[in-house]
Amino acid sequence: MSNQLVMYEEELQQISNICDVLQRDSNAKAVLVIDKNGQAIAHSGEVEHLDVTSLSSLTAGNVAATGGIASLLAEKEFAGQFHEGEKTNVHISIVGARVILLVLFDERSSLGLVRLRVRKAAAELTQVLEVLVKKSEAGNQPSVFAEITDDDIDNLFND
């Protein structure tokens, strides 16, 4: 099976809801769910001043580099990372070996609260990902892109 996960509308909404709840309950500035290729899947919170595309890509690169360190140390992977900044702290965790959960938080929250809330969100995300994998393998569910026809694409470029 390929590493590429097909995203369906129902699960995308569930992932967005998990982001919203995590952001609220952990009092985080922002929450992002990113695939291991560095594509943002969903986000919540104060993201209007963030370069979500670059942040997602760099976070995935960071996780990949940390995976290299884990290999050198004969570890499977490091499930979580924490970076402490002057204004913003970063908590990164790998969920279901498929996606990266990124939580940005400041003094309004704490690492303990973020870790507690991430544990609950990660369990919920894992369930959604398992459903997605089953749907992807079955291949019988229309993807969010399925309703786009060749005519739609032609019309888009002919305007």
C-alpha atoms as a PDB file:
ATOM      1  CA  MET A   1       0.000   0.000   0.000  1.00  0.00           C
ATOM      2  CA  SER A   2       1.226   3.482  -0.777  1.00  0.00           C
ATOM      3  CA  ASN A   3       2.017   6.013   1.911  1.00  0.00           C
ATOM      4  CA  GLN A   4      -0.364   8.488   0.275  1.00  0.00           C
ATOM      5  CA  LEU A   5      -3.604   8.678   2.203  1.00  0.00           C
ATOM      6  CA  VAL A   6      -6.762   9.499   0.283  1.00  0.00           C
ATOM      7  CA  MET A   7      -8.736  12.131   2.188  1.00  0.00           C
ATOM      8  CA  TYR A   8     -12.537  11.983   2.293  1.00  0.00           C
ATOM      9  CA  GLU A   9     -14.848  14.830   3.291  1.00  0.00           C
ATOM     10  CA  GLU A  10     -16.293  13.077   6.362  1.00  0.00           C
ATOM     11  CA  GLU A  11     -12.891  12.241   7.846  1.00  0.00           C
ATOM     12  CA  LEU A  12     -11.474  15.650   6.935  1.00  0.00           C
ATOM     13  CA  GLN A  13     -14.305  17.239   8.949  1.00  0.00           C
ATOM     14  CA  GLN A  14     -13.595  14.886  11.880  1.00  0.00           C
ATOM     15  CA  ILE A  15      -9.880  15.793  11.782  1.00  0.00           C
ATOM     16  CA  SER A  16     -10.770  19.509  11.705  1.00  0.00           C
ATOM     17  CA  ASN A  17     -13.061  19.027  14.707  1.00  0.00           C
ATOM     18  CA  ILE A  18     -10.289  17.221  16.621  1.00  0.00           C
ATOM     19  CA  CYS A  19      -7.973  20.187  15.869  1.00  0.00           C
ATOM     20  CA  ASP A  20     -10.584  22.663  17.119  1.00  0.00           C
ATOM     21  CA  VAL A  21     -11.165  20.779  20.376  1.00  0.00           C
ATOM     22  CA  LEU A  22      -7.434  20.272  21.004  1.00  0.00           C
ATOM     23  CA  GLN A  23      -6.684  23.943  20.347  1.00  0.00           C
ATOM     24  CA  ARG A  24      -9.454  25.048  22.717  1.00  0.00           C
ATOM     25  CA  ASP A  25      -8.870  22.487  25.491  1.00  0.00           C
ATOM     26  CA  SER A  26      -5.080  22.901  25.551  1.00  0.00           C
ATOM     27  CA  ASN A  27      -5.349  26.699  25.312  1.00  0.00           C
ATOM     28  CA  ALA A  28      -2.929  26.520  22.384  1.00  0.00           C
ATOM     29  CA  LYS A  29      -2.251  29.284  19.884  1.00  0.00           C
ATOM     30  CA  ALA A  30      -2.609  26.911  16.951  1.00  0.00           C
ATOM     31  CA  VAL A  31      -2.873  23.231  16.046  1.00  0.00           C
ATOM     32  CA  LEU A  32      -1.917  21.674  12.711  1.00  0.00           C
ATOM     33  CA  VAL A  33      -2.294  18.148  11.379  1.00  0.00           C
ATOM     34  CA  ILE A  34       0.321  17.517   8.701  1.00  0.00           C
ATOM     35  CA  ASP A  35       0.995  14.472   6.552  1.00  0.00           C
ATOM     36  CA  LYS A  36       4.513  13.035   6.548  1.00  0.00           C
ATOM     37  CA  ASN A  37       5.101  14.607   3.111  1.00  0.00           C
ATOM     38  CA  GLY A  38       4.684  18.045   4.669  1.00  0.00           C
ATOM     39  CA  GLN A  39       1.168  18.866   3.452  1.00  0.00           C
ATOM     40  CA  ALA A  40      -1.169  20.551   5.937  1.00  0.00           C
ATOM     41  CA  ILE A  41      -4.331  18.467   6.307  1.00  0.00           C
ATOM     42  CA  ALA A  42      -6.158  20.623   8.856  1.00  0.00           C
ATOM     43  CA  HIS A  43      -5.484  23.460  11.266  1.00  0.00           C
ATOM     44  CA  SER A  44      -7.143  25.444  14.012  1.00  0.00           C
ATOM     45  CA  GLY A  45      -6.476  28.586  15.997  1.00  0.00           C
ATOM     46  CA  GLU A  46      -4.324  31.605  15.198  1.00  0.00           C
ATOM     47  CA  VAL A  47      -2.958  30.622  11.780  1.00  0.00           C
ATOM     48  CA  GLU A  48      -3.678  33.811   9.823  1.00  0.00           C
ATOM     49  CA  HIS A  49      -0.182  35.173  10.547  1.00  0.00           C
ATOM     50  CA  LEU A  50       1.567  31.847   9.944  1.00  0.00           C
ATOM     51  CA  ASP A  51       3.034  30.531   6.723  1.00  0.00           C
ATOM     52  CA  VAL A  52       1.195  27.211   7.148  1.00  0.00           C
ATOM     53  CA  THR A  53       2.730  25.722   3.984  1.00  0.00           C
ATOM     54  CA  SER A  54       6.324  26.396   5.064  1.00  0.00           C
ATOM     55  CA  LEU A  55       5.661  25.457   8.691  1.00  0.00           C
ATOM     56  CA  SER A  56       4.121  22.137   7.581  1.00  0.00           C
ATOM     57  CA  SER A  57       6.990  21.360   5.229  1.00  0.00           C
ATOM     58  CA  LEU A  58       9.691  22.263   7.763  1.00  0.00           C
ATOM     59  CA  THR A  59       7.945  20.293  10.526  1.00  0.00           C
ATOM     60  CA  ALA A  60       7.836  17.189   8.313  1.00  0.00           C
ATOM     61  CA  GLY A  61      11.538  17.704   7.520  1.00  0.00           C
ATOM     62  CA  ASN A  62      12.276  18.039  11.230  1.00  0.00           C
ATOM     63  CA  VAL A  63      10.409  14.794  11.943  1.00  0.00           C
ATOM     64  CA  ALA A  64      12.332  13.046   9.141  1.00  0.00           C
ATOM     65  CA  ALA A  65      15.679  14.333  10.468  1.00  0.00           C
ATOM     66  CA  THR A  66      14.764  13.271  13.992  1.00  0.00           C
ATOM     67  CA  GLY A  67      13.854   9.865  12.566  1.00  0.00           C
ATOM     68  CA  GLY A  68      17.420   9.652  11.247  1.00  0.00           C
ATOM     69  CA  ILE A  69      18.758  10.400  14.725  1.00  0.00           C
ATOM     70  CA  ALA A  70      16.444   7.715  16.149  1.00  0.00           C
ATOM     71  CA  SER A  71      17.829   5.191  13.647  1.00  0.00           C
ATOM     72  CA  LEU A  72      21.395   6.008  14.663  1.00  0.00           C
ATOM     73  CA  LEU A  73      20.409   5.350  18.265  1.00  0.00           C
ATOM     74  CA  ALA A  74      18.601   2.100  17.369  1.00  0.00           C
ATOM     75  CA  GLU A  75      15.234   3.628  18.245  1.00  0.00           C
ATOM     76  CA  LYS A  76      12.127   3.028  16.122  1.00  0.00           C
ATOM     77  CA  GLU A  77      11.236   6.734  16.170  1.00  0.00           C
ATOM     78  CA  PHE A  78      10.841   9.523  18.683  1.00  0.00           C
ATOM     79  CA  ALA A  79       7.095   9.802  19.165  1.00  0.00           C
ATOM     80  CA  GLY A  80       7.281  13.370  20.418  1.00  0.00           C
ATOM     81  CA  GLN A  81       9.391  16.504  20.364  1.00  0.00           C
ATOM     82  CA  PHE A  82       9.268  19.722  22.327  1.00  0.00           C
ATOM     83  CA  HIS A  83      10.933  23.020  21.445  1.00  0.00           C
ATOM     84  CA  GLU A  84      10.866  25.901  23.905  1.00  0.00           C
ATOM     85  CA  GLY A  85      10.998  29.417  22.508  1.00  0.00           C
ATOM     86  CA  GLU A  86      10.898  32.878  24.055  1.00  0.00           C
ATOM     87  CA  LYS A  87       7.326  33.510  22.891  1.00  0.00           C
ATOM     88  CA  THR A  88       6.144  30.255  21.333  1.00  0.00           C
ATOM     89  CA  ASN A  89       6.629  26.637  22.335  1.00  0.00           C
ATOM     90  CA  VAL A  90       6.282  23.802  19.851  1.00  0.00           C
ATOM     91  CA  HIS A  91       5.015  20.294  20.621  1.00  0.00           C
ATOM     92  CA  ILE A  92       5.299  17.766  17.777  1.00  0.00           C
ATOM     93  CA  SER A  93       3.951  14.235  17.877  1.00  0.00           C
ATOM     94  CA  ILE A  94       3.609  11.470  15.323  1.00  0.00           C
ATOM     95  CA  VAL A  95       0.121   9.968  15.261  1.00  0.00           C
ATOM     96  CA  GLY A  96      -0.686   6.545  13.885  1.00  0.00           C
ATOM     97  CA  ALA A  97       2.715   6.483  12.118  1.00  0.00           C
ATOM     98  CA  ARG A  98       0.955   8.542   9.411  1.00  0.00           C
ATOM     99  CA  VAL A  99       0.448  12.159  10.428  1.00  0.00           C
ATOM    100  CA  ILE A 100       2.191  14.814  12.492  1.00  0.00           C
ATOM    101  CA  LEU A 101       0.312  16.747  15.147  1.00  0.00           C
ATOM    102  CA  LEU A 102       1.845  20.190  15.729  1.00  0.00           C
ATOM    103  CA  VAL A 103       0.750  22.320  18.689  1.00  0.00           C
ATOM    104  CA  LEU A 104       1.975  25.896  19.084  1.00  0.00           C
ATOM    105  CA  PHE A 105       1.454  27.362  22.551  1.00  0.00           C
ATOM    106  CA  ASP A 106       2.632  30.170  24.817  1.00  0.00           C
ATOM    107  CA  GLU A 107       2.457  31.132  28.493  1.00  0.00           C
ATOM    108  CA  ARG A 108      -1.349  30.786  28.436  1.00  0.00           C
ATOM    109  CA  SER A 109      -0.819  27.016  28.482  1.00  0.00           C
ATOM    110  CA  SER A 110       1.719  24.501  29.793  1.00  0.00           C
ATOM    111  CA  LEU A 111       3.602  21.528  28.422  1.00  0.00           C
ATOM    112  CA  GLY A 112       1.765  19.251  30.865  1.00  0.00           C
ATOM    113  CA  LEU A 113      -1.662  20.407  29.687  1.00  0.00           C
ATOM    114  CA  VAL A 114      -0.642  20.173  26.019  1.00  0.00           C
ATOM    115  CA  ARG A 115       0.696  16.623  26.495  1.00  0.00           C
ATOM    116  CA  LEU A 116      -2.483  15.573  28.293  1.00  0.00           C
ATOM    117  CA  ARG A 117      -4.753  16.973  25.580  1.00  0.00           C
ATOM    118  CA  VAL A 118      -2.534  15.676  22.759  1.00  0.00           C
ATOM    119  CA  ARG A 119      -2.842  12.144  24.153  1.00  0.00           C
ATOM    120  CA  LYS A 120      -6.655  12.303  23.852  1.00  0.00           C
ATOM    121  CA  ALA A 121      -6.574  13.956  20.408  1.00  0.00           C
ATOM    122  CA  ALA A 122      -4.001  11.430  19.146  1.00  0.00           C
ATOM    123  CA  ALA A 123      -6.250   8.524  20.164  1.00  0.00           C
ATOM    124  CA  GLU A 124      -9.173  10.104  18.283  1.00  0.00           C
ATOM    125  CA  LEU A 125      -7.005  10.884  15.237  1.00  0.00           C
ATOM    126  CA  THR A 126      -5.734   7.302  15.169  1.00  0.00           C
ATOM    127  CA  GLN A 127      -9.326   6.024  14.937  1.00  0.00           C
ATOM    128  CA  VAL A 128     -10.113   8.413  12.063  1.00  0.00           C
ATOM    129  CA  LEU A 129      -6.898   7.387  10.265  1.00  0.00           C
ATOM    130  CA  GLU A 130      -7.785   3.696  10.608  1.00  0.00           C
ATOM    131  CA  VAL A 131     -11.147   4.374   8.935  1.00  0.00           C
ATOM    132  CA  LEU A 132      -9.384   6.340   6.181  1.00  0.00           C
ATOM    133  CA  VAL A 133      -6.946   3.501   5.539  1.00  0.00           C
ATOM    134  CA  LYS A 134      -9.817   1.005   5.265  1.00  0.00           C
ATOM    135  CA  LYS A 135     -11.700   3.293   2.885  1.00  0.00           C
ATOM    136  CA  SER A 136      -8.552   3.900   0.812  1.00  0.00           C
ATOM    137  CA  GLU A 137      -7.852   0.174   0.566  1.00  0.00           C
ATOM    138  CA  ALA A 138     -11.464  -0.583  -0.355  1.00  0.00           C
ATOM    139  CA  GLY A 139     -11.332   2.186  -2.938  1.00  0.00           C
ATOM    140  CA  ASN A 140     -15.110   2.328  -3.164  1.00  0.00           C
ATOM    141  CA  GLN A 141     -15.674   5.693  -1.515  1.00  0.00           C
ATOM    142  CA  PRO A 142     -15.583   8.846  -3.608  1.00  0.00           C
ATOM    143  CA  SER A 143     -12.678  11.106  -2.705  1.00  0.00           C
ATOM    144  CA  VAL A 144     -13.318  14.819  -2.202  1.00  0.00           C
ATOM    145  CA  PHE A 145     -11.834  15.195  -5.700  1.00  0.00           C
ATOM    146  CA  ALA A 146     -14.059  12.555  -7.333  1.00  0.00           C
ATOM    147  CA  GLU A 147     -16.790  14.944  -8.395  1.00  0.00           C
ATOM    148  CA  ILE A 148     -14.346  17.019 -10.490  1.00  0.00           C
ATOM    149  CA  THR A 149     -14.743  15.968 -14.120  1.00  0.00           C
ATOM    150  CA  ASP A 150     -12.445  16.448 -17.103  1.00  0.00           C
ATOM    151  CA  ASP A 151     -14.986  18.985 -18.410  1.00  0.00           C
ATOM    152  CA  ASP A 152     -14.690  20.939 -15.146  1.00  0.00           C
ATOM    153  CA  ILE A 153     -10.915  21.048 -15.550  1.00  0.00           C
ATOM    154  CA  ASP A 154     -11.210  22.146 -19.194  1.00  0.00           C
ATOM    155  CA  ASN A 155     -13.714  24.858 -18.226  1.00  0.00           C
ATOM    156  CA  LEU A 156     -11.422  26.082 -15.490  1.00  0.00           C
ATOM    157  CA  PHE A 157      -8.552  26.667 -17.909  1.00  0.00           C
ATOM    158  CA  ASN A 158     -10.720  28.015 -20.757  1.00  0.00           C
ATOM    159  CA  ASP A 159     -12.104  30.966 -18.764  1.00  0.00           C
END
